[in-house]
PDB file of N, CA and C in Angstrom:
ATOM      1  N   MET A   1      63.306  73.924 -31.846  1.00  0.00           N
ATOM      2  CA  MET A   1      63.933  74.477 -33.086  1.00  0.00           C
ATOM      3  C   MET A   1      63.133  75.246 -33.822  1.00  0.00           C
ATOM      4  N   ARG A   2      62.027  75.355 -34.151  1.00  0.00           N
ATOM      5  CA  ARG A   2      61.059  75.685 -35.123  1.00  0.00           C
ATOM      6  C   ARG A   2      60.421  77.248 -34.730  1.00  0.00           C
ATOM      7  N   LYS A   3      60.369  76.978 -33.368  1.00  0.00           N
ATOM      8  CA  LYS A   3      60.462  78.737 -32.613  1.00  0.00           C
ATOM      9  C   LYS A   3      61.651  79.651 -32.682  1.00  0.00           C
ATOM     10  N   ILE A   4      63.076  78.983 -32.314  1.00  0.00           N
ATOM     11  CA  ILE A   4      63.618  79.646 -32.215  1.00  0.00           C
ATOM     12  C   ILE A   4      64.239  80.532 -33.843  1.00  0.00           C
ATOM     13  N   GLY A   5      63.909  78.831 -34.604  1.00  0.00           N
ATOM     14  CA  GLY A   5      64.664  79.634 -36.045  1.00  0.00           C
ATOM     15  C   GLY A   5      63.559  80.992 -36.946  1.00  0.00           C
ATOM     16  N   LEU A   6      62.486  80.726 -36.403  1.00  0.00           N
ATOM     17  CA  LEU A   6      61.452  81.288 -37.214  1.00  0.00           C
ATOM     18  C   LEU A   6      61.394  82.632 -36.758  1.00  0.00           C
ATOM     19  N   ALA A   7      61.852  83.226 -35.403  1.00  0.00           N
ATOM     20  CA  ALA A   7      62.296  84.358 -34.550  1.00  0.00           C
ATOM     21  C   ALA A   7      63.709  85.090 -35.529  1.00  0.00           C
ATOM     22  N   LEU A   8      64.020  84.304 -36.690  1.00  0.00           N
ATOM     23  CA  LEU A   8      65.248  84.725 -37.141  1.00  0.00           C
ATOM     24  C   LEU A   8      64.878  85.694 -38.474  1.00  0.00           C
ATOM     25  N   PRO A   9      65.156  86.760 -38.957  1.00  0.00           N
ATOM     26  CA  PRO A   9      64.778  87.537 -40.016  1.00  0.00           C
ATOM     27  C   PRO A   9      65.125  86.295 -41.325  1.00  0.00           C
ATOM     28  N   GLY A  10      63.802  86.624 -41.889  1.00  0.00           N
ATOM     29  CA  GLY A  10      63.606  86.384 -43.251  1.00  0.00           C
ATOM     30  C   GLY A  10      63.296  84.501 -43.388  1.00  0.00           C
ATOM     31  N   VAL A  11      63.147  83.743 -42.060  1.00  0.00           N
ATOM     32  CA  VAL A  11      63.523  82.216 -41.792  1.00  0.00           C
ATOM     33  C   VAL A  11      61.829  81.624 -42.040  1.00  0.00           C
ATOM     34  N   GLU A  12      61.632  80.974 -43.356  1.00  0.00           N
ATOM     35  CA  GLU A  12      60.678  80.287 -43.197  1.00  0.00           C
ATOM     36  C   GLU A  12      60.704  78.909 -42.868  1.00  0.00           C
ATOM     37  N   GLU A  13      59.542  78.551 -42.908  1.00  0.00           N
ATOM     38  CA  GLU A  13      59.414  76.812 -42.667  1.00  0.00           C
ATOM     39  C   GLU A  13      59.302  76.549 -44.114  1.00  0.00           C
ATOM     40  N   GLY A  14      59.738  75.041 -44.282  1.00  0.00           N
ATOM     41  CA  GLY A  14      59.751  74.249 -45.181  1.00  0.00           C
ATOM     42  C   GLY A  14      59.872  72.770 -45.671  1.00  0.00           C
ATOM     43  N   THR A  15      60.055  72.283 -46.388  1.00  0.00           N
ATOM     44  CA  THR A  15      60.925  70.796 -46.326  1.00  0.00           C
ATOM     45  C   THR A  15      62.277  70.373 -46.833  1.00  0.00           C
ATOM     46  N   THR A  16      62.878  69.779 -46.709  1.00  0.00           N
ATOM     47  CA  THR A  16      63.821  69.492 -47.839  1.00  0.00           C
ATOM     48  C   THR A  16      63.881  67.481 -47.571  1.00  0.00           C
ATOM     49  N   TYR A  17      63.778  66.996 -48.431  1.00  0.00           N
ATOM     50  CA  TYR A  17      63.867  65.686 -48.654  1.00  0.00           C
ATOM     51  C   TYR A  17      62.556  65.266 -47.860  1.00  0.00           C
ATOM     52  N   GLY A  18      61.072  65.897 -47.910  1.00  0.00           N
ATOM     53  CA  GLY A  18      60.445  65.239 -46.825  1.00  0.00           C
ATOM     54  C   GLY A  18      60.300  66.095 -45.141  1.00  0.00           C
ATOM     55  N   SER A  19      61.699  66.287 -45.139  1.00  0.00           N
ATOM     56  CA  SER A  19      61.702  66.837 -43.701  1.00  0.00           C
ATOM     57  C   SER A  19      61.561  67.746 -43.180  1.00  0.00           C
ATOM     58  N   PRO A  20      60.976  68.248 -42.164  1.00  0.00           N
ATOM     59  CA  PRO A  20      60.884  69.666 -41.856  1.00  0.00           C
ATOM     60  C   PRO A  20      62.258  70.602 -42.205  1.00  0.00           C
ATOM     61  N   ALA A  21      62.177  71.596 -42.429  1.00  0.00           N
ATOM     62  CA  ALA A  21      63.193  72.604 -42.783  1.00  0.00           C
ATOM     63  C   ALA A  21      63.039  74.073 -42.076  1.00  0.00           C
ATOM     64  N   LEU A  22      64.276  74.681 -41.755  1.00  0.00           N
ATOM     65  CA  LEU A  22      64.085  76.012 -41.800  1.00  0.00           C
ATOM     66  C   LEU A  22      64.992  76.562 -42.927  1.00  0.00           C
ATOM     67  N   LYS A  23      64.386  77.569 -43.734  1.00  0.00           N
ATOM     68  CA  LYS A  23      64.929  78.070 -44.831  1.00  0.00           C
ATOM     69  C   LYS A  23      65.069  79.882 -45.050  1.00  0.00           C
ATOM     70  N   ALA A  24      66.244  80.217 -45.113  1.00  0.00           N
ATOM     71  CA  ALA A  24      66.356  81.668 -45.800  1.00  0.00           C
ATOM     72  C   ALA A  24      66.409  82.082 -46.877  1.00  0.00           C
ATOM     73  N   ASN A  25      65.808  82.987 -47.457  1.00  0.00           N
ATOM     74  CA  ASN A  25      66.215  83.141 -48.759  1.00  0.00           C
ATOM     75  C   ASN A  25      65.955  82.348 -49.282  1.00  0.00           C
ATOM     76  N   GLY A  26      65.452  81.325 -49.312  1.00  0.00           N
ATOM     77  CA  GLY A  26      65.484  79.937 -50.107  1.00  0.00           C
ATOM     78  C   GLY A  26      66.800  78.762 -50.454  1.00  0.00           C
ATOM     79  N   ASN A  27      67.713  79.317 -49.008  1.00  0.00           N
ATOM     80  CA  ASN A  27      68.762  78.705 -48.611  1.00  0.00           C
ATOM     81  C   ASN A  27      68.302  77.700 -47.229  1.00  0.00           C
ATOM     82  N   LEU A  28      68.871  76.752 -47.747  1.00  0.00           N
ATOM     83  CA  LEU A  28      68.887  75.949 -46.295  1.00  0.00           C
ATOM     84  C   LEU A  28      69.531  76.303 -44.664  1.00  0.00           C
ATOM     85  N   VAL A  29      68.892  76.685 -43.809  1.00  0.00           N
ATOM     86  CA  VAL A  29      69.608  76.946 -42.285  1.00  0.00           C
ATOM     87  C   VAL A  29      69.715  75.588 -41.426  1.00  0.00           C
ATOM     88  N   ALA A  30      68.802  74.777 -41.624  1.00  0.00           N
ATOM     89  CA  ALA A  30      68.412  73.818 -40.997  1.00  0.00           C
ATOM     90  C   ALA A  30      67.267  72.524 -41.401  1.00  0.00           C
ATOM     91  N   CYS A  31      67.374  71.649 -40.618  1.00  0.00           N
ATOM     92  CA  CYS A  31      66.642  70.262 -41.198  1.00  0.00           C
ATOM     93  C   CYS A  31      66.547  69.397 -39.616  1.00  0.00           C
ATOM     94  N   ILE A  32      65.747  68.466 -40.216  1.00  0.00           N
ATOM     95  CA  ILE A  32      65.803  67.461 -39.276  1.00  0.00           C
ATOM     96  C   ILE A  32      66.530  66.373 -40.225  1.00  0.00           C
ATOM     97  N   ALA A  33      67.486  65.332 -39.684  1.00  0.00           N
ATOM     98  CA  ALA A  33      68.405  64.832 -40.584  1.00  0.00           C
ATOM     99  C   ALA A  33      67.340  63.531 -40.842  1.00  0.00           C
ATOM    100  N   ILE A  34      67.595  62.937 -42.068  1.00  0.00           N
ATOM    101  CA  ILE A  34      66.979  61.658 -42.614  1.00  0.00           C
ATOM    102  C   ILE A  34      67.735  60.647 -43.141  1.00  0.00           C
ATOM    103  N   ASN A  35      68.925  60.998 -43.048  1.00  0.00           N
ATOM    104  CA  ASN A  35      70.150  59.999 -43.243  1.00  0.00           C
ATOM    105  C   ASN A  35      70.094  58.973 -42.376  1.00  0.00           C
ATOM    106  N   LYS A  36      70.144  57.621 -43.357  1.00  0.00           N
ATOM    107  CA  LYS A  36      69.933  56.660 -42.237  1.00  0.00           C
ATOM    108  C   LYS A  36      71.286  56.349 -41.341  1.00  0.00           C
ATOM    109  N   ALA A  37      72.360  56.693 -41.419  1.00  0.00           N
ATOM    110  CA  ALA A  37      73.476  56.819 -40.591  1.00  0.00           C
ATOM    111  C   ALA A  37      73.699  57.713 -39.588  1.00  0.00           C
ATOM    112  N   VAL A  38      72.491  59.003 -39.286  1.00  0.00           N
ATOM    113  CA  VAL A  38      72.359  59.511 -38.731  1.00  0.00           C
ATOM    114  C   VAL A  38      71.254  59.205 -37.131  1.00  0.00           C
ATOM    115  N   GLU A  39      72.066  59.482 -36.080  1.00  0.00           N
ATOM    116  CA  GLU A  39      71.366  59.317 -34.591  1.00  0.00           C
ATOM    117  C   GLU A  39      69.731  59.610 -34.899  1.00  0.00           C
ATOM    118  N   PRO A  40      68.782  59.121 -34.206  1.00  0.00           N
ATOM    119  CA  PRO A  40      67.447  59.508 -34.081  1.00  0.00           C
ATOM    120  C   PRO A  40      67.411  60.929 -33.231  1.00  0.00           C
ATOM    121  N   ASN A  41      66.168  61.754 -33.986  1.00  0.00           N
ATOM    122  CA  ASN A  41      66.363  63.405 -33.260  1.00  0.00           C
ATOM    123  C   ASN A  41      67.542  63.856 -33.448  1.00  0.00           C
ATOM    124  N   THR A  42      67.896  63.882 -34.786  1.00  0.00           N
ATOM    125  CA  THR A  42      69.143  65.021 -34.995  1.00  0.00           C
ATOM    126  C   THR A  42      68.967  66.068 -35.867  1.00  0.00           C
ATOM    127  N   LEU A  43      69.221  67.198 -35.651  1.00  0.00           N
ATOM    128  CA  LEU A  43      69.329  68.475 -36.205  1.00  0.00           C
ATOM    129  C   LEU A  43      70.930  68.382 -37.239  1.00  0.00           C
ATOM    130  N   VAL A  44      70.606  68.736 -38.431  1.00  0.00           N
ATOM    131  CA  VAL A  44      71.424  69.160 -39.515  1.00  0.00           C
ATOM    132  C   VAL A  44      71.600  70.842 -39.886  1.00  0.00           C
ATOM    133  N   ALA A  45      72.735  71.435 -39.341  1.00  0.00           N
ATOM    134  CA  ALA A  45      72.701  72.882 -39.252  1.00  0.00           C
ATOM    135  C   ALA A  45      73.688  72.888 -40.258  1.00  0.00           C
ATOM    136  N   TRP A  46      73.439  74.063 -41.510  1.00  0.00           N
ATOM    137  CA  TRP A  46      74.333  74.495 -42.336  1.00  0.00           C
ATOM    138  C   TRP A  46      75.528  75.437 -41.804  1.00  0.00           C
ATOM    139  N   VAL A  47      77.032  75.045 -41.538  1.00  0.00           N
ATOM    140  CA  VAL A  47      77.586  76.451 -40.795  1.00  0.00           C
ATOM    141  C   VAL A  47      78.959  75.963 -41.756  1.00  0.00           C
ATOM    142  N   GLY A  48      79.627  77.109 -41.352  1.00  0.00           N
ATOM    143  CA  GLY A  48      81.390  76.625 -41.976  1.00  0.00           C
ATOM    144  C   GLY A  48      81.836  75.525 -41.656  1.00  0.00           C
ATOM    145  N   PHE A  49      83.017  75.272 -42.500  1.00  0.00           N
ATOM    146  CA  PHE A  49      83.664  74.498 -42.358  1.00  0.00           C
ATOM    147  C   PHE A  49      84.630  74.557 -41.011  1.00  0.00           C
ATOM    148  N   GLU A  50      85.138  75.917 -40.761  1.00  0.00           N
ATOM    149  CA  GLU A  50      85.773  75.981 -39.418  1.00  0.00           C
ATOM    150  C   GLU A  50      84.985  76.184 -38.264  1.00  0.00           C
ATOM    151  N   GLN A  51      83.670  76.606 -38.580  1.00  0.00           N
ATOM    152  CA  GLN A  51      82.522  76.626 -36.983  1.00  0.00           C
ATOM    153  C   GLN A  51      82.440  75.205 -36.689  1.00  0.00           C
ATOM    154  N   ARG A  52      81.970  74.337 -37.656  1.00  0.00           N
ATOM    155  CA  ARG A  52      82.086  72.773 -37.677  1.00  0.00           C
ATOM    156  C   ARG A  52      83.368  72.407 -36.510  1.00  0.00           C
ATOM    157  N   GLU A  53      84.453  72.626 -36.933  1.00  0.00           N
ATOM    158  CA  GLU A  53      85.641  71.627 -36.464  1.00  0.00           C
ATOM    159  C   GLU A  53      85.470  72.543 -34.775  1.00  0.00           C
ATOM    160  N   ASP A  54      85.400  74.048 -34.725  1.00  0.00           N
ATOM    161  CA  ASP A  54      85.242  74.527 -33.735  1.00  0.00           C
ATOM    162  C   ASP A  54      84.318  73.518 -32.520  1.00  0.00           C
ATOM    163  N   LEU A  55      82.951  73.466 -33.194  1.00  0.00           N
ATOM    164  CA  LEU A  55      81.745  72.797 -32.454  1.00  0.00           C
ATOM    165  C   LEU A  55      82.188  71.396 -32.086  1.00  0.00           C
ATOM    166  N   LEU A  56      82.692  70.212 -33.092  1.00  0.00           N
ATOM    167  CA  LEU A  56      82.977  69.028 -32.901  1.00  0.00           C
ATOM    168  C   LEU A  56      83.766  68.950 -31.572  1.00  0.00           C
ATOM    169  N   LYS A  57      84.814  69.878 -31.769  1.00  0.00           N
ATOM    170  CA  LYS A  57      85.964  69.757 -30.522  1.00  0.00           C
ATOM    171  C   LYS A  57      85.187  70.169 -29.035  1.00  0.00           C
ATOM    172  N   GLN A  58      84.558  71.199 -29.511  1.00  0.00           N
ATOM    173  CA  GLN A  58      84.580  72.034 -28.169  1.00  0.00           C
ATOM    174  C   GLN A  58      82.848  70.920 -27.401  1.00  0.00           C
ATOM    175  N   HIS A  59      82.272  70.533 -28.173  1.00  0.00           N
ATOM    176  CA  HIS A  59      80.871  69.802 -27.495  1.00  0.00           C
ATOM    177  C   HIS A  59      80.729  68.314 -28.185  1.00  0.00           C
ATOM    178  N   PRO A  60      81.653  67.641 -28.102  1.00  0.00           N
ATOM    179  CA  PRO A  60      81.608  66.107 -28.901  1.00  0.00           C
ATOM    180  C   PRO A  60      80.070  65.375 -28.459  1.00  0.00           C
ATOM    181  N   LYS A  61      79.736  65.785 -27.528  1.00  0.00           N
ATOM    182  CA  LYS A  61      78.622  64.971 -26.904  1.00  0.00           C
ATOM    183  C   LYS A  61      77.386  65.545 -27.433  1.00  0.00           C
ATOM    184  N   ILE A  62      77.457  66.759 -28.105  1.00  0.00           N
ATOM    185  CA  ILE A  62      76.196  67.483 -28.965  1.00  0.00           C
ATOM    186  C   ILE A  62      76.366  67.387 -30.315  1.00  0.00           C
ATOM    187  N   TYR A  63      77.496  67.647 -30.793  1.00  0.00           N
ATOM    188  CA  TYR A  63      77.935  67.601 -32.350  1.00  0.00           C
ATOM    189  C   TYR A  63      78.486  66.378 -32.666  1.00  0.00           C
ATOM    190  N   TYR A  64      78.164  65.956 -33.778  1.00  0.00           N
ATOM    191  CA  TYR A  64      79.268  65.161 -34.481  1.00  0.00           C
ATOM    192  C   TYR A  64      79.035  65.148 -35.777  1.00  0.00           C
ATOM    193  N   LEU A  65      79.265  64.023 -36.778  1.00  0.00           N
ATOM    194  CA  LEU A  65      79.606  64.034 -38.026  1.00  0.00           C
ATOM    195  C   LEU A  65      79.305  62.935 -38.638  1.00  0.00           C
ATOM    196  N   THR A  66      78.799  61.935 -39.640  1.00  0.00           N
ATOM    197  CA  THR A  66      78.972  61.039 -40.031  1.00  0.00           C
ATOM    198  C   THR A  66      79.877  61.181 -41.743  1.00  0.00           C
ATOM    199  N   PRO A  67      80.255  60.434 -42.059  1.00  0.00           N
ATOM    200  CA  PRO A  67      80.969  60.519 -43.376  1.00  0.00           C
ATOM    201  C   PRO A  67      80.098  60.895 -44.576  1.00  0.00           C
ATOM    202  N   HIS A  68      78.742  60.718 -44.440  1.00  0.00           N
ATOM    203  CA  HIS A  68      77.509  61.384 -45.374  1.00  0.00           C
ATOM    204  C   HIS A  68      77.821  62.813 -45.621  1.00  0.00           C
ATOM    205  N   TYR A  69      78.320  63.143 -44.057  1.00  0.00           N
ATOM    206  CA  TYR A  69      78.274  64.915 -44.341  1.00  0.00           C
ATOM    207  C   TYR A  69      79.539  65.360 -44.335  1.00  0.00           C
ATOM    208  N   GLU A  70      80.332  64.474 -44.492  1.00  0.00           N
ATOM    209  CA  GLU A  70      81.937  64.950 -44.482  1.00  0.00           C
ATOM    210  C   GLU A  70      82.034  66.256 -45.403  1.00  0.00           C
ATOM    211  N   ASN A  71      82.323  66.088 -46.489  1.00  0.00           N
ATOM    212  CA  ASN A  71      82.433  67.462 -47.524  1.00  0.00           C
ATOM    213  C   ASN A  71      81.135  68.527 -47.776  1.00  0.00           C
ATOM    214  N   HIS A  72      80.291  68.591 -46.948  1.00  0.00           N
ATOM    215  CA  HIS A  72      79.513  69.391 -46.880  1.00  0.00           C
ATOM    216  C   HIS A  72      79.561  70.335 -45.645  1.00  0.00           C
ATOM    217  N   PRO A  73      79.625  71.791 -45.646  1.00  0.00           N
ATOM    218  CA  PRO A  73      79.903  72.615 -44.361  1.00  0.00           C
ATOM    219  C   PRO A  73      78.364  72.597 -43.405  1.00  0.00           C
ATOM    220  N   VAL A  74      78.100  71.309 -42.927  1.00  0.00           N
ATOM    221  CA  VAL A  74      77.166  71.315 -42.039  1.00  0.00           C
ATOM    222  C   VAL A  74      77.799  70.678 -40.556  1.00  0.00           C
ATOM    223  N   VAL A  75      76.925  70.490 -39.427  1.00  0.00           N
ATOM    224  CA  VAL A  75      77.054  69.698 -38.491  1.00  0.00           C
ATOM    225  C   VAL A  75      75.925  68.887 -38.064  1.00  0.00           C
ATOM    226  N   LEU A  76      75.795  67.973 -37.388  1.00  0.00           N
ATOM    227  CA  LEU A  76      74.943  67.195 -36.679  1.00  0.00           C
ATOM    228  C   LEU A  76      75.081  67.534 -35.212  1.00  0.00           C
ATOM    229  N   ALA A  77      73.532  67.728 -34.891  1.00  0.00           N
ATOM    230  CA  ALA A  77      73.263  68.040 -33.490  1.00  0.00           C
ATOM    231  C   ALA A  77      72.386  67.255 -32.595  1.00  0.00           C
ATOM    232  N   ARG A  78      72.893  66.805 -31.732  1.00  0.00           N
ATOM    233  CA  ARG A  78      71.724  65.736 -31.151  1.00  0.00           C
ATOM    234  C   ARG A  78      70.756  66.624 -30.137  1.00  0.00           C
ATOM    235  N   LEU A  79      69.715  66.990 -30.419  1.00  0.00           N
ATOM    236  CA  LEU A  79      68.779  67.352 -29.887  1.00  0.00           C
ATOM    237  C   LEU A  79      68.520  67.314 -28.575  1.00  0.00           C
ATOM    238  N   SER A  80      68.476  65.954 -28.049  1.00  0.00           N
ATOM    239  CA  SER A  80      67.672  65.670 -26.724  1.00  0.00           C
ATOM    240  C   SER A  80      69.399  65.917 -25.882  1.00  0.00           C
ATOM    241  N   ALA A  81      70.863  66.242 -26.450  1.00  0.00           N
ATOM    242  CA  ALA A  81      71.718  67.096 -25.680  1.00  0.00           C
ATOM    243  C   ALA A  81      72.155  68.029 -25.689  1.00  0.00           C
ATOM    244  N   THR A  82      71.163  69.037 -26.650  1.00  0.00           N
ATOM    245  CA  THR A  82      71.266  70.429 -26.644  1.00  0.00           C
ATOM    246  C   THR A  82      70.111  71.324 -26.101  1.00  0.00           C
ATOM    247  N   LYS A  83      70.778  72.167 -25.129  1.00  0.00           N
ATOM    248  CA  LYS A  83      69.905  73.211 -24.515  1.00  0.00           C
ATOM    249  C   LYS A  83      69.777  74.158 -25.205  1.00  0.00           C
ATOM    250  N   THR A  84      68.583  74.873 -24.906  1.00  0.00           N
ATOM    251  CA  THR A  84      67.796  76.190 -25.481  1.00  0.00           C
ATOM    252  C   THR A  84      68.888  77.073 -26.119  1.00  0.00           C
ATOM    253  N   ALA A  85      70.025  77.323 -25.251  1.00  0.00           N
ATOM    254  CA  ALA A  85      70.905  78.418 -25.167  1.00  0.00           C
ATOM    255  C   ALA A  85      71.783  78.075 -26.599  1.00  0.00           C
ATOM    256  N   ALA A  86      72.067  77.368 -26.831  1.00  0.00           N
ATOM    257  CA  ALA A  86      73.040  76.097 -27.833  1.00  0.00           C
ATOM    258  C   ALA A  86      72.293  76.496 -28.750  1.00  0.00           C
ATOM    259  N   LEU A  87      70.903  75.668 -28.850  1.00  0.00           N
ATOM    260  CA  LEU A  87      70.462  75.773 -30.312  1.00  0.00           C
ATOM    261  C   LEU A  87      70.244  76.892 -30.774  1.00  0.00           C
ATOM    262  N   ARG A  88      69.885  78.051 -30.191  1.00  0.00           N
ATOM    263  CA  ARG A  88      69.656  79.535 -30.033  1.00  0.00           C
ATOM    264  C   ARG A  88      70.927  79.855 -31.330  1.00  0.00           C
ATOM    265  N   GLN A  89      72.109  79.249 -30.717  1.00  0.00           N
ATOM    266  CA  GLN A  89      73.513  79.873 -31.253  1.00  0.00           C
ATOM    267  C   GLN A  89      74.120  78.931 -31.942  1.00  0.00           C
ATOM    268  N   LEU A  90      73.430  77.841 -32.501  1.00  0.00           N
ATOM    269  CA  LEU A  90      73.271  77.071 -33.406  1.00  0.00           C
ATOM    270  C   LEU A  90      72.746  77.957 -34.552  1.00  0.00           C
ATOM    271  N   LEU A  91      71.510  78.206 -33.972  1.00  0.00           N
ATOM    272  CA  LEU A  91      70.408  78.198 -35.612  1.00  0.00           C
ATOM    273  C   LEU A  91      71.271  80.146 -36.140  1.00  0.00           C
ATOM    274  N   GLU A  92      71.621  80.929 -35.059  1.00  0.00           N
ATOM    275  CA  GLU A  92      71.979  82.155 -35.330  1.00  0.00           C
ATOM    276  C   GLU A  92      73.285  81.849 -36.239  1.00  0.00           C
ATOM    277  N   THR A  93      73.985  80.963 -35.894  1.00  0.00           N
ATOM    278  CA  THR A  93      75.199  80.513 -37.198  1.00  0.00           C
ATOM    279  C   THR A  93      74.636  80.052 -38.141  1.00  0.00           C
ATOM    280  N   ALA A  94      73.734  78.964 -38.719  1.00  0.00           N
ATOM    281  CA  ALA A  94      73.790  78.417 -39.976  1.00  0.00           C
ATOM    282  C   ALA A  94      72.948  79.604 -40.499  1.00  0.00           C
ATOM    283  N   TRP A  95      72.266  80.162 -39.523  1.00  0.00           N
ATOM    284  CA  TRP A  95      71.414  81.650 -40.417  1.00  0.00           C
ATOM    285  C   TRP A  95      72.159  82.468 -41.078  1.00  0.00           C
ATOM    286  N   ARG A  96      73.417  82.989 -40.224  1.00  0.00           N
ATOM    287  CA  ARG A  96      74.671  83.635 -41.196  1.00  0.00           C
ATOM    288  C   ARG A  96      75.128  83.151 -42.163  1.00  0.00           C
ATOM    289  N   PHE A  97      75.096  81.860 -41.860  1.00  0.00           N
ATOM    290  CA  PHE A  97      75.890  81.012 -43.010  1.00  0.00           C
ATOM    291  C   PHE A  97      75.098  81.155 -44.443  1.00  0.00           C
ATOM    292  N   ALA A  98      73.535  81.224 -44.128  1.00  0.00           N
ATOM    293  CA  ALA A  98      72.477  80.838 -45.096  1.00  0.00           C
ATOM    294  C   ALA A  98      72.454  81.726 -45.913  1.00  0.00           C
ATOM    295  N   THR A  99      72.722  82.873 -45.163  1.00  0.00           N
ATOM    296  CA  THR A  99      72.238  84.446 -45.593  1.00  0.00           C
ATOM    297  C   THR A  99      73.502  85.268 -46.332  1.00  0.00           C
ATOM    298  N   THR A 100      74.450  84.779 -45.920  1.00  0.00           N
ATOM    299  CA  THR A 100      76.143  84.893 -46.967  1.00  0.00           C
ATOM    300  C   THR A 100      76.142  85.277 -48.497  1.00  0.00           C
ATOM    301  N   LYS A 101      76.337  85.934 -49.020  1.00  0.00           N
ATOM    302  CA  LYS A 101      76.061  86.134 -50.388  1.00  0.00           C
ATOM    303  C   LYS A 101      76.535  84.898 -51.415  1.00  0.00           C
ATOM    304  N   LYS A 102      77.775  84.401 -51.088  1.00  0.00           N
ATOM    305  CA  LYS A 102      77.936  82.708 -51.731  1.00  0.00           C
ATOM    306  C   LYS A 102      79.220  81.986 -50.718  1.00  0.00           C
ATOM    307  N   PRO A 103      78.110  81.260 -50.125  1.00  0.00           N
ATOM    308  CA  PRO A 103      78.949  80.561 -49.045  1.00  0.00           C
ATOM    309  C   PRO A 103      79.493  79.394 -49.307  1.00  0.00           C
ATOM    310  N   VAL A 104      80.414  78.992 -48.948  1.00  0.00           N
ATOM    311  CA  VAL A 104      81.142  77.682 -49.970  1.00  0.00           C
ATOM    312  C   VAL A 104      80.181  76.410 -49.317  1.00  0.00           C
ATOM    313  N   ARG A 105      79.706  75.752 -50.259  1.00  0.00           N
ATOM    314  CA  ARG A 105      78.750  75.010 -49.863  1.00  0.00           C
ATOM    315  C   ARG A 105      78.781  73.301 -50.004  1.00  0.00           C
ATOM    316  N   LYS A 106      80.267  73.249 -50.500  1.00  0.00           N
ATOM    317  CA  LYS A 106      80.700  71.759 -51.021  1.00  0.00           C
ATOM    318  C   LYS A 106      82.421  72.170 -50.456  1.00  0.00           C
ATOM    319  N   ARG A 107      83.179  70.853 -49.891  1.00  0.00           N
ATOM    320  CA  ARG A 107      84.328  71.074 -49.827  1.00  0.00           C
ATOM    321  C   ARG A 107      85.081  70.338 -50.951  1.00  0.00           C
ATOM    322  N   THR A 108      86.088  70.419 -51.685  1.00  0.00           N
ATOM    323  CA  THR A 108      86.537  68.990 -52.621  1.00  0.00           C
ATOM    324  C   THR A 108      87.305  68.272 -51.540  1.00  0.00           C
ATOM    325  N   ARG A 109      87.257  66.934 -52.609  1.00  0.00           N
ATOM    326  CA  ARG A 109      88.004  66.043 -51.773  1.00  0.00           C
ATOM    327  C   ARG A 109      89.772  66.484 -52.093  1.00  0.00           C
ATOM    328  N   ARG A 110      90.155  65.776 -50.690  1.00  0.00           N
ATOM    329  CA  ARG A 110      92.158  66.131 -50.770  1.00  0.00           C
ATOM    330  C   ARG A 110      92.421  64.801 -51.115  1.00  0.00           C
TER     331      ARG A 110
END
């Protein structure tokens, strides 16, 4: 994850709530999940809500969601089930999301 993420323009290493993270322009791209409801070895990647729905439908063995993250434009990825090409694509998607001018960061409850 680190090597792939740092190859993207403007991405730097950092931390979020003490967890290793990748950031671009001060915005979170991805981090290791620390929420107690997630599975071990899970990556949180910031993506748009539409992209998240597509990933969840197309690859349910890799991507998932917990109630804690429902209202945020993120997807959870099981790193043990993710191949390098899929991880690269996910991080590129998260990088694009993080580097847009005004990404929608929170969904309002319905």
